[in-house]
Amino acid sequence: FGLAVGTEHLLVAQVTNCIGAVHAERREYEEAVSSYTSALGLYKRAGVDEIKLAAQYRRIGEVLYLQGDLRAAERYFVRTLEVRSRRLGSRYSALAHFRLAQVLLRLQDLDGSLLHYKKALECHGHAAHGGQVNGEVVDVAVALKEMAEAYEMKGQGDKAWA
């Protein structure tokens, strides 16, 4: 087609990513992970920005989480968090902390889960400072409820609602 180097990979990656989204919506998780992973490789070959790659890591992590592959989901959410924290700062890391906290809660890593819930809420506070949203925000009610569950599981019910 006479496209610039990398453009073909980018276009195919975008289509492959859309196919992954359709599979995820249909709860065809193995196919979604396969499509998202293929798109990730194509995005890398196209030389896209690291932040776009982080979005793809998050998509893969989300599907792995839904699929119940928590250890793999954890690895993808950690990668997402590393990139977003380094490149964008705390204002844009709330969701990555939140999703990692949810995975760790299901893995029974209660201290790790609480740490990331607290960081998610801190990042949320930075992003939603002064009534202006400038960054990622999380569902505060869900975060607080799940933090309470973690405290209850630790036998620290007194901290659950403090």
N, C-alpha and C. Protein backbone atom coordinates (compact mmCIF):
# COMPACT_ATOMS: atom_id res chain seq x y z
N PHE A 1 0.80 -1.20 0.00
CA PHE A 1 0.00 0.00 0.00
C PHE A 1 0.85 1.26 0.00
N GLY A 2 2.13 1.14 0.17
CA GLY A 2 3.00 2.29 0.20
C GLY A 2 2.91 3.08 1.51
N LEU A 3 2.57 2.41 2.59
CA LEU A 3 2.47 3.07 3.89
C LEU A 3 3.84 3.24 4.51
N ALA A 4 3.97 4.21 5.40
CA ALA A 4 5.23 4.44 6.11
C ALA A 4 5.57 3.23 6.96
N VAL A 5 6.86 3.03 7.21
CA VAL A 5 7.32 1.92 8.03
C VAL A 5 6.64 2.00 9.40
N GLY A 6 6.10 0.89 9.85
CA GLY A 6 5.42 0.83 11.13
C GLY A 6 3.93 1.11 11.04
N THR A 7 3.49 1.83 9.99
CA THR A 7 2.08 2.17 9.87
C THR A 7 1.23 0.93 9.65
N GLU A 8 1.72 0.00 8.84
CA GLU A 8 0.97 -1.24 8.61
C GLU A 8 0.79 -1.98 9.92
N HIS A 9 1.86 -2.09 10.71
CA HIS A 9 1.77 -2.77 12.01
C HIS A 9 0.76 -2.07 12.91
N LEU A 10 0.77 -0.75 12.89
CA LEU A 10 -0.14 0.01 13.73
C LEU A 10 -1.59 -0.22 13.33
N LEU A 11 -1.87 -0.19 12.05
CA LEU A 11 -3.23 -0.42 11.58
C LEU A 11 -3.71 -1.82 11.91
N VAL A 12 -2.87 -2.81 11.67
CA VAL A 12 -3.24 -4.20 11.99
C VAL A 12 -3.41 -4.35 13.50
N ALA A 13 -2.56 -3.70 14.28
CA ALA A 13 -2.67 -3.75 15.75
C ALA A 13 -4.01 -3.19 16.20
N GLN A 14 -4.42 -2.08 15.62
CA GLN A 14 -5.69 -1.46 16.01
C GLN A 14 -6.87 -2.37 15.70
N VAL A 15 -6.84 -3.00 14.54
CA VAL A 15 -7.91 -3.93 14.17
C VAL A 15 -7.89 -5.15 15.09
N THR A 16 -6.70 -5.68 15.34
CA THR A 16 -6.56 -6.84 16.21
C THR A 16 -7.03 -6.51 17.62
N ASN A 17 -6.74 -5.30 18.07
CA ASN A 17 -7.19 -4.86 19.39
C ASN A 17 -8.71 -4.80 19.44
N CYS A 18 -9.33 -4.30 18.39
CA CYS A 18 -10.80 -4.25 18.33
C CYS A 18 -11.41 -5.65 18.36
N ILE A 19 -10.76 -6.58 17.68
CA ILE A 19 -11.22 -7.97 17.70
C ILE A 19 -11.13 -8.51 19.13
N GLY A 20 -10.05 -8.17 19.82
CA GLY A 20 -9.91 -8.57 21.22
C GLY A 20 -11.03 -8.02 22.08
N ALA A 21 -11.40 -6.77 21.84
CA ALA A 21 -12.47 -6.15 22.62
C ALA A 21 -13.80 -6.87 22.38
N VAL A 22 -14.05 -7.27 21.14
CA VAL A 22 -15.28 -8.01 20.83
C VAL A 22 -15.27 -9.34 21.58
N HIS A 23 -14.14 -10.05 21.54
CA HIS A 23 -14.05 -11.32 22.27
C HIS A 23 -14.26 -11.11 23.77
N ALA A 24 -13.66 -10.07 24.32
CA ALA A 24 -13.81 -9.80 25.76
C ALA A 24 -15.27 -9.52 26.09
N GLU A 25 -15.93 -8.72 25.25
CA GLU A 25 -17.34 -8.40 25.47
C GLU A 25 -18.21 -9.66 25.44
N ARG A 26 -17.83 -10.61 24.59
CA ARG A 26 -18.58 -11.87 24.45
C ARG A 26 -18.14 -12.91 25.49
N ARG A 27 -17.23 -12.53 26.37
CA ARG A 27 -16.67 -13.40 27.42
C ARG A 27 -15.91 -14.58 26.84
N GLU A 28 -15.32 -14.36 25.69
CA GLU A 28 -14.44 -15.34 25.05
C GLU A 28 -13.01 -14.94 25.44
N TYR A 29 -12.67 -15.23 26.70
CA TYR A 29 -11.47 -14.67 27.30
C TYR A 29 -10.17 -15.17 26.69
N GLU A 30 -10.08 -16.44 26.35
CA GLU A 30 -8.84 -16.93 25.74
C GLU A 30 -8.59 -16.25 24.41
N GLU A 31 -9.64 -16.10 23.61
CA GLU A 31 -9.50 -15.42 22.33
C GLU A 31 -9.15 -13.95 22.52
N ALA A 32 -9.75 -13.33 23.54
CA ALA A 32 -9.47 -11.92 23.82
C ALA A 32 -8.00 -11.73 24.20
N VAL A 33 -7.50 -12.59 25.09
CA VAL A 33 -6.09 -12.49 25.50
C VAL A 33 -5.18 -12.70 24.29
N SER A 34 -5.53 -13.66 23.45
CA SER A 34 -4.73 -13.92 22.26
C SER A 34 -4.70 -12.70 21.34
N SER A 35 -5.85 -12.10 21.09
CA SER A 35 -5.92 -10.92 20.22
C SER A 35 -5.19 -9.74 20.84
N TYR A 36 -5.42 -9.50 22.12
CA TYR A 36 -4.75 -8.39 22.79
C TYR A 36 -3.23 -8.57 22.82
N THR A 37 -2.79 -9.81 23.03
CA THR A 37 -1.35 -10.09 23.05
C THR A 37 -0.74 -9.90 21.66
N SER A 38 -1.46 -10.34 20.63
CA SER A 38 -0.98 -10.12 19.26
C SER A 38 -0.90 -8.63 18.96
N ALA A 39 -1.91 -7.89 19.37
CA ALA A 39 -1.91 -6.44 19.16
C ALA A 39 -0.74 -5.80 19.89
N LEU A 40 -0.43 -6.27 21.09
CA LEU A 40 0.70 -5.73 21.84
C LEU A 40 1.99 -5.90 21.06
N GLY A 41 2.22 -7.09 20.50
CA GLY A 41 3.41 -7.32 19.70
C GLY A 41 3.47 -6.41 18.48
N LEU A 42 2.33 -6.21 17.85
CA LEU A 42 2.28 -5.33 16.68
C LEU A 42 2.52 -3.87 17.07
N TYR A 43 1.95 -3.46 18.20
CA TYR A 43 2.20 -2.09 18.68
C TYR A 43 3.69 -1.88 18.94
N LYS A 44 4.33 -2.89 19.54
CA LYS A 44 5.77 -2.79 19.80
C LYS A 44 6.55 -2.66 18.50
N ARG A 45 6.18 -3.47 17.49
CA ARG A 45 6.88 -3.40 16.19
C ARG A 45 6.63 -2.06 15.50
N ALA A 46 5.46 -1.47 15.75
CA ALA A 46 5.14 -0.18 15.14
C ALA A 46 5.85 0.95 15.87
N GLY A 47 6.43 0.65 17.03
CA GLY A 47 7.17 1.66 17.78
C GLY A 47 6.29 2.65 18.52
N VAL A 48 5.11 2.20 18.96
CA VAL A 48 4.23 3.14 19.67
C VAL A 48 4.81 3.51 21.03
N ASP A 49 4.34 4.60 21.54
CA ASP A 49 4.77 5.13 22.83
C ASP A 49 4.51 4.11 23.94
N GLU A 50 5.38 4.15 24.93
CA GLU A 50 5.29 3.24 26.07
C GLU A 50 3.95 3.37 26.81
N ILE A 51 3.37 4.54 26.79
CA ILE A 51 2.09 4.75 27.47
C ILE A 51 0.97 3.97 26.77
N LYS A 52 1.02 3.92 25.44
CA LYS A 52 0.05 3.09 24.71
C LYS A 52 0.24 1.62 25.04
N LEU A 53 1.49 1.21 25.20
CA LEU A 53 1.75 -0.18 25.58
C LEU A 53 1.17 -0.47 26.96
N ALA A 54 1.27 0.50 27.87
CA ALA A 54 0.72 0.32 29.21
C ALA A 54 -0.79 0.11 29.15
N ALA A 55 -1.46 0.81 28.26
CA ALA A 55 -2.91 0.61 28.09
C ALA A 55 -3.21 -0.81 27.62
N GLN A 56 -2.34 -1.32 26.77
CA GLN A 56 -2.52 -2.69 26.28
C GLN A 56 -2.24 -3.70 27.40
N TYR A 57 -1.22 -3.44 28.23
CA TYR A 57 -0.96 -4.31 29.38
C TYR A 57 -2.20 -4.36 30.27
N ARG A 58 -2.82 -3.19 30.47
CA ARG A 58 -4.02 -3.14 31.32
C ARG A 58 -5.16 -3.95 30.71
N ARG A 59 -5.36 -3.83 29.41
CA ARG A 59 -6.43 -4.61 28.76
C ARG A 59 -6.21 -6.11 28.96
N ILE A 60 -4.98 -6.54 28.76
CA ILE A 60 -4.67 -7.96 28.93
C ILE A 60 -4.89 -8.35 30.39
N GLY A 61 -4.43 -7.52 31.32
CA GLY A 61 -4.62 -7.80 32.74
C GLY A 61 -6.09 -7.91 33.11
N GLU A 62 -6.92 -7.02 32.55
CA GLU A 62 -8.36 -7.05 32.84
C GLU A 62 -8.97 -8.38 32.43
N VAL A 63 -8.63 -8.85 31.24
CA VAL A 63 -9.21 -10.10 30.76
C VAL A 63 -8.68 -11.28 31.57
N LEU A 64 -7.39 -11.27 31.87
CA LEU A 64 -6.83 -12.34 32.69
C LEU A 64 -7.50 -12.37 34.07
N TYR A 65 -7.79 -11.21 34.62
CA TYR A 65 -8.49 -11.11 35.90
C TYR A 65 -9.87 -11.76 35.79
N LEU A 66 -10.60 -11.39 34.75
CA LEU A 66 -11.95 -11.96 34.54
C LEU A 66 -11.89 -13.47 34.31
N GLN A 67 -10.82 -13.90 33.69
CA GLN A 67 -10.62 -15.32 33.39
C GLN A 67 -10.22 -16.09 34.65
N GLY A 68 -9.77 -15.38 35.68
CA GLY A 68 -9.36 -16.02 36.92
C GLY A 68 -7.88 -16.34 37.00
N ASP A 69 -7.11 -15.90 36.01
CA ASP A 69 -5.65 -16.11 36.03
C ASP A 69 -5.03 -14.93 36.77
N LEU A 70 -5.12 -14.97 38.09
CA LEU A 70 -4.77 -13.81 38.91
C LEU A 70 -3.29 -13.50 38.90
N ARG A 71 -2.43 -14.50 38.90
CA ARG A 71 -0.98 -14.24 38.89
C ARG A 71 -0.57 -13.55 37.60
N ALA A 72 -1.10 -14.01 36.48
CA ALA A 72 -0.78 -13.36 35.21
C ALA A 72 -1.36 -11.94 35.18
N ALA A 73 -2.59 -11.78 35.67
CA ALA A 73 -3.19 -10.44 35.72
C ALA A 73 -2.34 -9.52 36.58
N GLU A 74 -1.85 -10.03 37.69
CA GLU A 74 -0.98 -9.23 38.57
C GLU A 74 0.24 -8.72 37.81
N ARG A 75 0.89 -9.59 37.05
CA ARG A 75 2.08 -9.18 36.30
C ARG A 75 1.76 -8.05 35.32
N TYR A 76 0.63 -8.15 34.63
CA TYR A 76 0.27 -7.10 33.66
C TYR A 76 -0.11 -5.80 34.35
N PHE A 77 -0.79 -5.87 35.50
CA PHE A 77 -1.13 -4.65 36.22
C PHE A 77 0.11 -3.99 36.80
N VAL A 78 1.08 -4.80 37.25
CA VAL A 78 2.34 -4.24 37.74
C VAL A 78 3.06 -3.50 36.61
N ARG A 79 3.10 -4.10 35.43
CA ARG A 79 3.74 -3.44 34.28
C ARG A 79 3.03 -2.13 33.95
N THR A 80 1.70 -2.16 33.97
CA THR A 80 0.92 -0.95 33.72
C THR A 80 1.28 0.13 34.72
N LEU A 81 1.31 -0.25 35.99
CA LEU A 81 1.60 0.70 37.05
C LEU A 81 3.00 1.27 36.92
N GLU A 82 3.97 0.43 36.63
CA GLU A 82 5.35 0.90 36.48
C GLU A 82 5.46 1.98 35.40
N VAL A 83 4.87 1.71 34.25
CA VAL A 83 4.96 2.67 33.14
C VAL A 83 4.21 3.95 33.47
N ARG A 84 2.97 3.82 33.93
CA ARG A 84 2.16 5.01 34.18
C ARG A 84 2.76 5.86 35.29
N SER A 85 3.29 5.24 36.34
CA SER A 85 3.90 6.00 37.44
C SER A 85 5.14 6.74 36.96
N ARG A 86 5.97 6.04 36.21
CA ARG A 86 7.22 6.63 35.73
C ARG A 86 6.97 7.72 34.70
N ARG A 87 6.06 7.49 33.79
CA ARG A 87 5.87 8.42 32.67
C ARG A 87 4.84 9.52 32.94
N LEU A 88 3.82 9.21 33.74
CA LEU A 88 2.72 10.16 33.91
C LEU A 88 2.56 10.68 35.34
N GLY A 89 3.12 9.98 36.30
CA GLY A 89 2.99 10.40 37.69
C GLY A 89 1.75 9.86 38.37
N SER A 90 1.59 10.25 39.62
CA SER A 90 0.54 9.67 40.45
C SER A 90 -0.88 10.02 39.99
N ARG A 91 -1.04 11.16 39.36
CA ARG A 91 -2.39 11.53 38.90
C ARG A 91 -2.98 10.52 37.94
N TYR A 92 -2.13 9.80 37.24
CA TYR A 92 -2.60 8.86 36.22
C TYR A 92 -2.28 7.42 36.59
N SER A 93 -2.16 7.15 37.89
CA SER A 93 -1.84 5.80 38.34
C SER A 93 -2.91 5.20 39.23
N ALA A 94 -3.97 5.94 39.49
CA ALA A 94 -5.01 5.48 40.43
C ALA A 94 -5.62 4.15 40.00
N LEU A 95 -6.00 4.06 38.74
CA LEU A 95 -6.68 2.85 38.28
C LEU A 95 -5.76 1.63 38.32
N ALA A 96 -4.49 1.81 37.98
CA ALA A 96 -3.55 0.69 38.02
C ALA A 96 -3.36 0.20 39.46
N HIS A 97 -3.25 1.13 40.41
CA HIS A 97 -3.16 0.73 41.82
C HIS A 97 -4.44 0.00 42.25
N PHE A 98 -5.58 0.53 41.83
CA PHE A 98 -6.87 -0.05 42.20
C PHE A 98 -7.01 -1.48 41.69
N ARG A 99 -6.70 -1.69 40.42
CA ARG A 99 -6.85 -3.03 39.84
C ARG A 99 -5.85 -3.99 40.47
N LEU A 100 -4.63 -3.55 40.73
CA LEU A 100 -3.64 -4.39 41.38
C LEU A 100 -4.11 -4.75 42.79
N ALA A 101 -4.70 -3.80 43.51
CA ALA A 101 -5.24 -4.07 44.84
C ALA A 101 -6.31 -5.14 44.80
N GLN A 102 -7.18 -5.08 43.79
CA GLN A 102 -8.25 -6.08 43.67
C GLN A 102 -7.68 -7.47 43.42
N VAL A 103 -6.66 -7.56 42.58
CA VAL A 103 -6.02 -8.86 42.32
C VAL A 103 -5.38 -9.39 43.60
N LEU A 104 -4.65 -8.53 44.30
CA LEU A 104 -3.96 -8.96 45.51
C LEU A 104 -4.96 -9.38 46.59
N LEU A 105 -6.10 -8.72 46.66
CA LEU A 105 -7.14 -9.12 47.61
C LEU A 105 -7.61 -10.54 47.31
N ARG A 106 -7.87 -10.83 46.06
CA ARG A 106 -8.31 -12.18 45.67
C ARG A 106 -7.21 -13.22 45.89
N LEU A 107 -5.95 -12.78 45.83
CA LEU A 107 -4.83 -13.70 46.08
C LEU A 107 -4.52 -13.82 47.57
N GLN A 108 -5.30 -13.14 48.39
CA GLN A 108 -5.13 -13.15 49.85
C GLN A 108 -3.86 -12.44 50.32
N ASP A 109 -3.27 -11.60 49.49
CA ASP A 109 -2.15 -10.76 49.91
C ASP A 109 -2.78 -9.49 50.47
N LEU A 110 -3.22 -9.57 51.71
CA LEU A 110 -4.03 -8.51 52.29
C LEU A 110 -3.23 -7.23 52.51
N ASP A 111 -1.99 -7.36 52.99
CA ASP A 111 -1.17 -6.17 53.19
C ASP A 111 -0.87 -5.47 51.87
N GLY A 112 -0.52 -6.25 50.85
CA GLY A 112 -0.27 -5.67 49.52
C GLY A 112 -1.51 -5.01 48.97
N SER A 113 -2.64 -5.67 49.17
CA SER A 113 -3.90 -5.13 48.68
C SER A 113 -4.21 -3.79 49.35
N LEU A 114 -4.09 -3.75 50.67
CA LEU A 114 -4.37 -2.51 51.40
C LEU A 114 -3.43 -1.38 50.97
N LEU A 115 -2.16 -1.72 50.78
CA LEU A 115 -1.19 -0.73 50.33
C LEU A 115 -1.63 -0.09 49.01
N HIS A 116 -2.04 -0.93 48.05
CA HIS A 116 -2.41 -0.41 46.73
C HIS A 116 -3.77 0.30 46.75
N TYR A 117 -4.70 -0.15 47.61
CA TYR A 117 -5.95 0.61 47.74
C TYR A 117 -5.65 2.01 48.27
N LYS A 118 -4.79 2.09 49.29
CA LYS A 118 -4.45 3.40 49.85
C LYS A 118 -3.77 4.28 48.81
N LYS A 119 -2.87 3.68 48.01
CA LYS A 119 -2.19 4.46 46.96
C LYS A 119 -3.19 4.90 45.89
N ALA A 120 -4.15 4.02 45.56
CA ALA A 120 -5.17 4.38 44.57
C ALA A 120 -5.97 5.58 45.05
N LEU A 121 -6.33 5.57 46.33
CA LEU A 121 -7.11 6.69 46.87
C LEU A 121 -6.27 7.96 46.94
N GLU A 122 -4.99 7.81 47.25
CA GLU A 122 -4.09 8.96 47.26
C GLU A 122 -3.96 9.55 45.86
N CYS A 123 -3.76 8.70 44.86
CA CYS A 123 -3.67 9.16 43.47
C CYS A 123 -4.98 9.80 43.04
N HIS A 124 -6.09 9.20 43.46
CA HIS A 124 -7.41 9.75 43.16
C HIS A 124 -7.52 11.17 43.72
N GLY A 125 -7.03 11.35 44.95
CA GLY A 125 -7.05 12.67 45.57
C GLY A 125 -6.25 13.69 44.79
N HIS A 126 -5.09 13.27 44.27
CA HIS A 126 -4.28 14.17 43.45
C HIS A 126 -5.00 14.52 42.14
N ALA A 127 -5.69 13.54 41.58
CA ALA A 127 -6.35 13.73 40.29
C ALA A 127 -7.62 14.56 40.41
N ALA A 128 -8.28 14.47 41.56
CA ALA A 128 -9.57 15.16 41.72
C ALA A 128 -9.46 16.30 42.72
N HIS A 129 -8.32 16.92 42.79
CA HIS A 129 -8.05 17.99 43.76
C HIS A 129 -8.86 19.24 43.44
N GLY A 130 -9.46 19.80 44.47
CA GLY A 130 -10.16 21.08 44.32
C GLY A 130 -11.38 21.01 43.42
N GLY A 131 -12.00 19.85 43.33
CA GLY A 131 -13.19 19.71 42.51
C GLY A 131 -12.91 19.60 41.02
N GLN A 132 -11.66 19.66 40.63
CA GLN A 132 -11.28 19.53 39.22
C GLN A 132 -10.69 18.14 39.00
N VAL A 133 -11.13 17.47 37.98
CA VAL A 133 -10.57 16.16 37.66
C VAL A 133 -9.50 16.35 36.60
N ASN A 134 -8.29 16.03 36.97
CA ASN A 134 -7.16 16.12 36.06
C ASN A 134 -6.32 14.86 36.25
N GLY A 135 -6.82 13.76 35.72
CA GLY A 135 -6.15 12.47 35.87
C GLY A 135 -7.18 11.37 36.02
N GLU A 136 -6.70 10.23 36.49
CA GLU A 136 -7.58 9.07 36.67
C GLU A 136 -8.24 9.12 38.04
N VAL A 137 -9.48 8.70 38.09
CA VAL A 137 -10.18 8.58 39.36
C VAL A 137 -10.71 7.15 39.48
N VAL A 138 -10.94 6.75 40.70
CA VAL A 138 -11.46 5.40 40.96
C VAL A 138 -12.79 5.52 41.69
N ASP A 139 -13.50 4.42 41.76
CA ASP A 139 -14.74 4.36 42.51
C ASP A 139 -14.37 4.27 43.98
N VAL A 140 -14.43 5.39 44.67
CA VAL A 140 -13.99 5.47 46.06
C VAL A 140 -14.80 4.53 46.94
N ALA A 141 -16.10 4.45 46.72
CA ALA A 141 -16.94 3.59 47.55
C ALA A 141 -16.50 2.13 47.43
N VAL A 142 -16.21 1.68 46.23
CA VAL A 142 -15.76 0.30 46.03
C VAL A 142 -14.42 0.09 46.71
N ALA A 143 -13.51 1.04 46.56
CA ALA A 143 -12.19 0.90 47.18
C ALA A 143 -12.32 0.81 48.69
N LEU A 144 -13.14 1.65 49.29
CA LEU A 144 -13.31 1.62 50.75
C LEU A 144 -13.98 0.33 51.21
N LYS A 145 -14.96 -0.14 50.46
CA LYS A 145 -15.63 -1.40 50.81
C LYS A 145 -14.64 -2.57 50.75
N GLU A 146 -13.84 -2.62 49.70
CA GLU A 146 -12.89 -3.72 49.56
C GLU A 146 -11.75 -3.61 50.57
N MET A 147 -11.38 -2.40 50.95
CA MET A 147 -10.39 -2.23 52.03
C MET A 147 -10.97 -2.77 53.34
N ALA A 148 -12.24 -2.47 53.60
CA ALA A 148 -12.89 -2.98 54.81
C ALA A 148 -12.89 -4.50 54.81
N GLU A 149 -13.15 -5.11 53.66
CA GLU A 149 -13.11 -6.57 53.55
C GLU A 149 -11.72 -7.11 53.90
N ALA A 150 -10.70 -6.45 53.39
CA ALA A 150 -9.32 -6.88 53.67
C ALA A 150 -9.02 -6.79 55.16
N TYR A 151 -9.43 -5.68 55.79
CA TYR A 151 -9.21 -5.55 57.23
C TYR A 151 -9.97 -6.64 58.00
N GLU A 152 -11.20 -6.90 57.59
CA GLU A 152 -11.99 -7.97 58.23
C GLU A 152 -11.28 -9.31 58.10
N MET A 153 -10.77 -9.60 56.91
CA MET A 153 -10.07 -10.87 56.66
C MET A 153 -8.80 -10.97 57.50
N LYS A 154 -8.19 -9.83 57.81
CA LYS A 154 -7.00 -9.81 58.65
C LYS A 154 -7.34 -9.90 60.13
N GLY A 155 -8.63 -9.88 60.45
CA GLY A 155 -9.05 -9.90 61.84
C GLY A 155 -8.92 -8.54 62.50
N GLN A 156 -8.90 -7.49 61.69
CA GLN A 156 -8.77 -6.13 62.20
C GLN A 156 -10.03 -5.33 61.86
N GLY A 157 -11.16 -5.91 62.25
CA GLY A 157 -12.44 -5.29 61.95
C GLY A 157 -12.57 -3.88 62.48
N ASP A 158 -11.84 -3.57 63.56
CA ASP A 158 -11.90 -2.21 64.11
C ASP A 158 -11.35 -1.18 63.12
N LYS A 159 -10.43 -1.59 62.26
CA LYS A 159 -9.87 -0.68 61.26
C LYS A 159 -10.75 -0.61 60.01
N ALA A 160 -11.64 -1.57 59.87
CA ALA A 160 -12.42 -1.67 58.64
C ALA A 160 -13.25 -0.43 58.38
N TRP A 161 -13.76 0.17 59.38
CA TRP A 161 -14.65 1.32 59.17
C TRP A 161 -14.13 2.56 59.86
N ALA A 162 -12.84 2.56 60.20
CA ALA A 162 -12.25 3.73 60.89
C ALA A 162 -11.89 4.82 59.92
